[in-house]
N, C-alpha and C. Protein backbone atom coordinates (compact mmCIF):
# COMPACT_ATOMS: atom_id res chain seq x y z
N MET A 1 -82.86 -17.36 -157.36
CA MET A 1 -81.43 -17.21 -156.44
C MET A 1 -82.02 -16.25 -155.38
N SER A 2 -81.37 -17.24 -154.58
CA SER A 2 -82.76 -16.10 -153.23
C SER A 2 -81.20 -14.81 -152.66
N ARG A 3 -81.63 -13.98 -152.56
CA ARG A 3 -80.49 -12.67 -151.59
C ARG A 3 -80.12 -13.19 -150.56
N SER A 4 -79.47 -11.87 -149.43
CA SER A 4 -78.84 -12.04 -148.21
C SER A 4 -80.58 -11.76 -148.03
N LEU A 5 -80.40 -12.16 -145.99
CA LEU A 5 -82.09 -11.47 -145.35
C LEU A 5 -81.49 -10.28 -145.25
N LYS A 6 -80.26 -10.04 -144.74
CA LYS A 6 -79.73 -8.26 -144.82
C LYS A 6 -80.05 -7.81 -145.08
N LYS A 7 -79.82 -8.08 -146.78
CA LYS A 7 -79.98 -7.17 -147.40
C LYS A 7 -81.82 -7.51 -148.35
N GLY A 8 -82.72 -7.88 -147.95
CA GLY A 8 -83.93 -7.85 -148.62
C GLY A 8 -84.11 -8.47 -149.82
N PRO A 9 -85.42 -7.89 -149.57
CA PRO A 9 -85.20 -8.48 -151.60
C PRO A 9 -85.71 -7.84 -152.59
N PHE A 10 -85.27 -7.54 -153.93
CA PHE A 10 -85.21 -6.35 -154.42
C PHE A 10 -86.36 -6.02 -155.43
N VAL A 11 -86.64 -5.08 -155.26
CA VAL A 11 -87.63 -3.79 -155.85
C VAL A 11 -86.88 -2.64 -156.47
N ASP A 12 -86.95 -2.74 -157.41
CA ASP A 12 -86.01 -1.68 -157.87
C ASP A 12 -87.33 -0.46 -157.33
N PRO A 13 -86.47 0.76 -157.03
CA PRO A 13 -87.65 2.09 -156.73
C PRO A 13 -87.86 2.80 -157.18
N LYS A 14 -87.68 3.01 -158.54
CA LYS A 14 -88.38 3.73 -159.18
C LYS A 14 -89.81 3.18 -160.07
N LEU A 15 -89.86 1.76 -159.37
CA LEU A 15 -90.66 0.72 -159.54
C LEU A 15 -91.97 1.17 -158.67
N MET A 16 -91.05 0.42 -157.51
CA MET A 16 -92.17 1.34 -156.34
C MET A 16 -93.52 2.40 -156.28
N LYS A 17 -92.07 3.59 -156.39
CA LYS A 17 -93.06 4.62 -156.82
C LYS A 17 -93.62 5.10 -157.33
N LYS A 18 -94.04 4.87 -158.67
CA LYS A 18 -94.99 4.93 -159.69
C LYS A 18 -96.14 3.77 -158.65
N ILE A 19 -95.84 2.47 -158.42
CA ILE A 19 -96.83 1.87 -158.06
C ILE A 19 -97.55 2.48 -156.47
N VAL A 20 -96.88 3.37 -155.77
CA VAL A 20 -97.62 3.61 -154.32
C VAL A 20 -98.81 5.26 -155.11
N ALA A 21 -98.08 5.43 -156.27
CA ALA A 21 -98.74 6.60 -157.52
C ALA A 21 -100.02 6.29 -157.19
N ILE A 22 -100.45 4.83 -157.71
CA ILE A 22 -101.50 4.18 -158.47
C ILE A 22 -102.02 3.45 -157.73
N LYS A 23 -103.66 3.45 -157.79
CA LYS A 23 -104.57 2.34 -157.35
C LYS A 23 -104.37 1.34 -157.92
N PRO A 24 -104.61 0.09 -156.77
CA PRO A 24 -105.24 -1.38 -157.08
C PRO A 24 -106.68 -1.76 -158.05
N GLY A 25 -106.01 -1.67 -159.09
CA GLY A 25 -107.41 -2.16 -159.63
C GLY A 25 -107.58 -1.13 -160.19
N SER A 26 -107.45 -0.34 -160.48
CA SER A 26 -107.58 1.09 -161.51
C SER A 26 -107.08 0.70 -163.35
N GLY A 27 -106.34 -0.11 -163.41
CA GLY A 27 -106.28 -0.64 -164.65
C GLY A 27 -105.88 0.18 -165.44
N THR A 28 -105.08 0.90 -165.09
CA THR A 28 -103.66 1.82 -165.64
C THR A 28 -102.50 0.15 -165.73
N VAL A 29 -102.02 0.79 -166.69
CA VAL A 29 -100.37 -0.77 -167.40
C VAL A 29 -99.08 0.58 -166.57
N VAL A 30 -98.45 -0.25 -165.93
CA VAL A 30 -97.11 0.41 -165.73
C VAL A 30 -96.32 -0.49 -166.37
N LYS A 31 -95.46 -0.19 -166.61
CA LYS A 31 -94.80 0.07 -168.31
C LYS A 31 -93.04 -0.01 -167.41
N THR A 32 -92.61 -1.53 -167.31
CA THR A 32 -91.38 -1.89 -166.93
C THR A 32 -90.22 -2.79 -167.32
N TRP A 33 -89.01 -2.49 -167.35
CA TRP A 33 -87.38 -3.14 -167.87
C TRP A 33 -87.45 -3.54 -166.96
N SER A 34 -87.69 -3.49 -166.07
CA SER A 34 -87.17 -3.99 -164.76
C SER A 34 -87.68 -5.91 -164.34
N ARG A 35 -87.24 -6.54 -164.93
CA ARG A 35 -87.53 -7.81 -165.03
C ARG A 35 -87.50 -8.49 -163.88
N ALA A 36 -86.07 -8.07 -163.18
CA ALA A 36 -85.33 -8.62 -161.78
C ALA A 36 -85.85 -8.50 -160.54
N SER A 37 -87.28 -7.10 -160.73
CA SER A 37 -87.78 -6.96 -159.39
C SER A 37 -88.80 -8.50 -158.83
N GLU A 38 -88.67 -8.19 -157.84
CA GLU A 38 -89.64 -9.54 -156.97
C GLU A 38 -91.13 -8.51 -156.88
N ILE A 39 -91.44 -9.11 -156.89
CA ILE A 39 -92.96 -8.36 -156.95
C ILE A 39 -93.69 -8.84 -155.49
N ALA A 40 -93.61 -7.68 -154.69
CA ALA A 40 -94.01 -6.85 -152.79
C ALA A 40 -95.04 -7.41 -153.03
N PRO A 41 -95.60 -7.72 -152.23
CA PRO A 41 -97.36 -7.59 -151.15
C PRO A 41 -98.11 -6.06 -152.17
N GLU A 42 -97.45 -5.34 -152.07
CA GLU A 42 -98.09 -3.99 -152.43
C GLU A 42 -98.14 -4.30 -153.99
N PHE A 43 -97.90 -4.98 -154.65
CA PHE A 43 -97.72 -4.71 -156.07
C PHE A 43 -98.98 -5.81 -156.57
N VAL A 44 -100.68 -6.25 -155.97
CA VAL A 44 -101.07 -7.53 -155.63
C VAL A 44 -102.55 -6.55 -156.23
N GLY A 45 -102.99 -6.76 -157.13
CA GLY A 45 -103.86 -5.60 -157.96
C GLY A 45 -103.43 -5.07 -159.50
N HIS A 46 -102.07 -4.63 -159.80
CA HIS A 46 -101.58 -4.03 -160.45
C HIS A 46 -101.32 -4.53 -161.09
N VAL A 47 -101.87 -3.85 -163.11
CA VAL A 47 -101.77 -4.48 -164.30
C VAL A 47 -100.05 -4.16 -164.63
N PHE A 48 -98.87 -4.64 -164.85
CA PHE A 48 -97.74 -4.45 -165.09
C PHE A 48 -96.83 -4.62 -166.95
N GLY A 49 -96.76 -3.36 -167.12
CA GLY A 49 -95.99 -4.32 -168.70
C GLY A 49 -94.27 -4.70 -168.39
N VAL A 50 -94.17 -5.49 -168.25
CA VAL A 50 -93.01 -6.57 -168.66
C VAL A 50 -92.71 -6.23 -169.76
N HIS A 51 -91.42 -5.71 -170.38
CA HIS A 51 -90.74 -5.58 -171.40
C HIS A 51 -89.77 -7.01 -171.72
N ASN A 52 -90.23 -7.45 -172.96
CA ASN A 52 -89.49 -9.35 -172.85
C ASN A 52 -88.41 -8.60 -173.91
N GLY A 53 -88.22 -7.63 -174.24
CA GLY A 53 -87.00 -8.21 -175.44
C GLY A 53 -87.15 -7.36 -176.50
N LYS A 54 -89.17 -7.53 -177.11
CA LYS A 54 -88.91 -6.81 -178.09
C LYS A 54 -90.88 -5.90 -177.71
N THR A 55 -91.47 -7.05 -176.92
CA THR A 55 -92.61 -5.52 -176.51
C THR A 55 -93.54 -6.20 -174.76
N PHE A 56 -94.19 -5.43 -174.14
CA PHE A 56 -94.59 -5.02 -173.15
C PHE A 56 -95.09 -6.75 -173.18
N ILE A 57 -95.23 -7.33 -172.08
CA ILE A 57 -96.27 -8.61 -172.13
C ILE A 57 -96.70 -8.11 -171.11
N GLU A 58 -97.98 -7.68 -171.04
CA GLU A 58 -99.80 -7.92 -169.36
C GLU A 58 -99.72 -8.61 -168.66
N VAL A 59 -99.00 -7.93 -167.87
CA VAL A 59 -99.51 -8.77 -166.13
C VAL A 59 -99.95 -9.00 -165.17
N ARG A 60 -100.66 -9.75 -164.84
CA ARG A 60 -102.25 -8.45 -163.55
C ARG A 60 -101.38 -9.63 -162.27
N VAL A 61 -101.15 -8.97 -161.15
CA VAL A 61 -100.26 -9.74 -160.21
C VAL A 61 -102.09 -10.43 -159.55
N THR A 62 -101.47 -10.90 -158.85
CA THR A 62 -102.54 -12.27 -157.94
C THR A 62 -101.62 -12.49 -156.57
N GLU A 63 -102.32 -13.00 -155.65
CA GLU A 63 -101.87 -13.04 -154.95
C GLU A 63 -100.68 -13.86 -154.12
N ASP A 64 -100.62 -15.49 -155.80
CA ASP A 64 -99.74 -16.24 -155.53
C ASP A 64 -98.40 -15.70 -155.94
N MET A 65 -98.15 -14.73 -156.68
CA MET A 65 -97.13 -14.48 -157.43
C MET A 65 -96.61 -13.56 -156.54
N VAL A 66 -96.92 -13.47 -155.55
CA VAL A 66 -96.05 -13.05 -154.29
C VAL A 66 -94.80 -13.19 -153.82
N GLY A 67 -92.90 -12.53 -153.98
CA GLY A 67 -92.41 -13.91 -154.19
C GLY A 67 -91.66 -13.82 -155.29
N HIS A 68 -92.25 -14.10 -156.37
CA HIS A 68 -91.52 -14.53 -158.07
C HIS A 68 -91.20 -13.32 -158.59
N ARG A 69 -90.48 -13.95 -159.30
CA ARG A 69 -89.77 -12.64 -160.15
C ARG A 69 -90.85 -11.54 -161.38
N LEU A 70 -90.94 -10.46 -161.69
CA LEU A 70 -91.95 -10.05 -163.15
C LEU A 70 -91.08 -10.29 -163.58
N GLY A 71 -90.11 -10.58 -164.04
CA GLY A 71 -88.98 -11.56 -165.26
C GLY A 71 -89.67 -13.39 -166.18
N GLU A 72 -89.86 -13.37 -164.54
CA GLU A 72 -91.07 -14.97 -164.65
C GLU A 72 -92.05 -15.51 -165.84
N PHE A 73 -92.97 -14.40 -165.55
CA PHE A 73 -94.15 -13.92 -166.34
C PHE A 73 -94.36 -13.79 -167.64
N SER A 74 -92.67 -13.43 -168.18
CA SER A 74 -93.40 -12.42 -169.38
C SER A 74 -91.88 -13.27 -170.17
N PRO A 75 -91.86 -14.27 -170.49
CA PRO A 75 -90.82 -14.81 -171.81
C PRO A 75 -90.49 -14.18 -172.17
N THR A 76 -89.06 -14.64 -172.51
CA THR A 76 -89.00 -13.58 -173.93
C THR A 76 -87.87 -14.62 -175.00
N ARG A 77 -88.64 -15.89 -174.80
CA ARG A 77 -88.66 -17.02 -175.66
C ARG A 77 -89.54 -17.53 -176.72
N LYS A 78 -90.28 -17.64 -177.94
CA LYS A 78 -91.25 -17.57 -178.30
C LYS A 78 -90.92 -19.33 -179.18
N PHE A 79 -91.68 -20.16 -179.18
CA PHE A 79 -91.78 -21.36 -179.02
C PHE A 79 -92.45 -22.12 -180.92
N VAL A 80 -91.79 -22.22 -181.30
CA VAL A 80 -92.24 -23.01 -182.61
C VAL A 80 -92.11 -24.55 -181.82
N ARG A 81 -92.79 -24.79 -182.75
CA ARG A 81 -93.15 -26.40 -182.62
C ARG A 81 -92.19 -27.05 -183.51
N HIS A 82 -92.43 -28.27 -182.68
CA HIS A 82 -91.53 -29.87 -182.59
C HIS A 82 -92.16 -29.96 -184.36
N GLY A 83 -91.40 -30.33 -185.43
CA GLY A 83 -91.94 -31.85 -186.34
C GLY A 83 -91.20 -31.14 -187.71
N GLY A 84 -91.31 -29.85 -187.70
CA GLY A 84 -91.71 -29.87 -188.90
C GLY A 84 -92.66 -30.15 -190.57
N LYS A 85 -92.02 -30.59 -191.87
CA LYS A 85 -92.94 -30.42 -192.78
C LYS A 85 -93.99 -31.86 -192.09
N MET A 86 -93.88 -33.44 -191.63
CA MET A 86 -95.02 -34.79 -191.72
C MET A 86 -95.58 -34.10 -190.43
N GLN A 87 -95.06 -33.04 -189.15
CA GLN A 87 -96.08 -32.77 -188.40
C GLN A 87 -97.16 -31.95 -188.92
N LYS A 88 -96.76 -30.93 -189.58
CA LYS A 88 -98.02 -30.60 -191.42
C LYS A 88 -99.06 -30.58 -191.06
N GLU A 89 -98.88 -32.14 -191.87
CA GLU A 89 -99.80 -32.76 -192.62
C GLU A 89 -100.26 -33.19 -191.83
N LEU A 90 -100.16 -33.62 -190.51
CA LEU A 90 -101.08 -35.06 -189.13
C LEU A 90 -102.04 -33.28 -188.53
N GLU A 91 -101.75 -32.54 -189.04
CA GLU A 91 -102.13 -31.09 -187.89
C GLU A 91 -103.45 -30.46 -189.07
N ILE A 92 -102.82 -30.85 -190.85
CA ILE A 92 -103.99 -30.49 -192.13
C ILE A 92 -104.88 -31.60 -191.81
N LYS A 93 -104.68 -32.98 -191.83
CA LYS A 93 -105.68 -33.38 -191.07
C LYS A 93 -106.18 -34.06 -190.83
N ALA A 94 -106.02 -34.52 -189.36
CA ALA A 94 -106.82 -33.01 -187.85
C ALA A 94 -107.94 -32.24 -188.00
N THR A 95 -107.62 -31.26 -188.98
CA THR A 95 -108.10 -30.06 -189.04
C THR A 95 -109.69 -30.02 -189.83
N GLN A 96 -109.08 -30.91 -190.58
CA GLN A 96 -110.24 -31.84 -191.75
C GLN A 96 -111.17 -32.70 -191.06
N ALA A 97 -111.10 -33.47 -190.23
CA ALA A 97 -111.76 -34.68 -189.68
C ALA A 97 -112.47 -33.87 -188.62
N GLN A 98 -112.25 -33.26 -188.06
CA GLN A 98 -112.69 -31.78 -187.10
C GLN A 98 -113.68 -31.14 -188.03
N LYS A 99 -113.68 -30.82 -188.80
CA LYS A 99 -115.20 -29.95 -189.48
C LYS A 99 -115.98 -30.98 -189.72
N PRO A 100 -116.24 -31.91 -190.95
CA PRO A 100 -117.34 -33.01 -190.63
C PRO A 100 -118.74 -32.93 -189.14
N ALA A 101 -117.27 -32.89 -188.63
CA ALA A 101 -117.99 -33.70 -186.56
C ALA A 101 -118.74 -32.70 -186.66
N ALA A 102 -118.10 -30.65 -186.55
CA ALA A 102 -118.51 -29.19 -186.41
C ALA A 102 -119.67 -30.10 -187.26
N LYS A 103 -120.29 -29.83 -188.71
CA LYS A 103 -120.54 -29.87 -189.18
C LYS A 103 -122.27 -30.40 -188.69
N SER A 104 -121.76 -31.30 -188.25
CA SER A 104 -122.44 -32.43 -188.30
C SER A 104 -123.64 -32.28 -186.59
N GLY A 105 -122.91 -31.33 -185.39
CA GLY A 105 -123.40 -31.61 -184.47
C GLY A 105 -123.94 -30.46 -184.17
N LYS A 106 -124.46 -29.27 -185.26
CA LYS A 106 -124.98 -28.30 -185.34
C LYS A 106 -126.68 -28.37 -185.80
């Protein structure tokens, strides 16, 4: 959702203070819980540790990300594949078929 033009984009003031103090490209990870903060042009080149509810996921900001939210790049849900027992058997057969092909390639 967009914010009104009068208010401007939301950027956590604490986060902005941390960014101003650090040089871009220095490699230091800036930890943040502010997933709702929009990525400003000043953030380009920095590495953020965005909290996903359990751990901090490192996000390196590029120019393409400006205008998006930090939370968009730190998923909160882990995808566990579909399929169950039948899918697992198919995957085992596929890996067994790949092993002889890899040996003959050497």
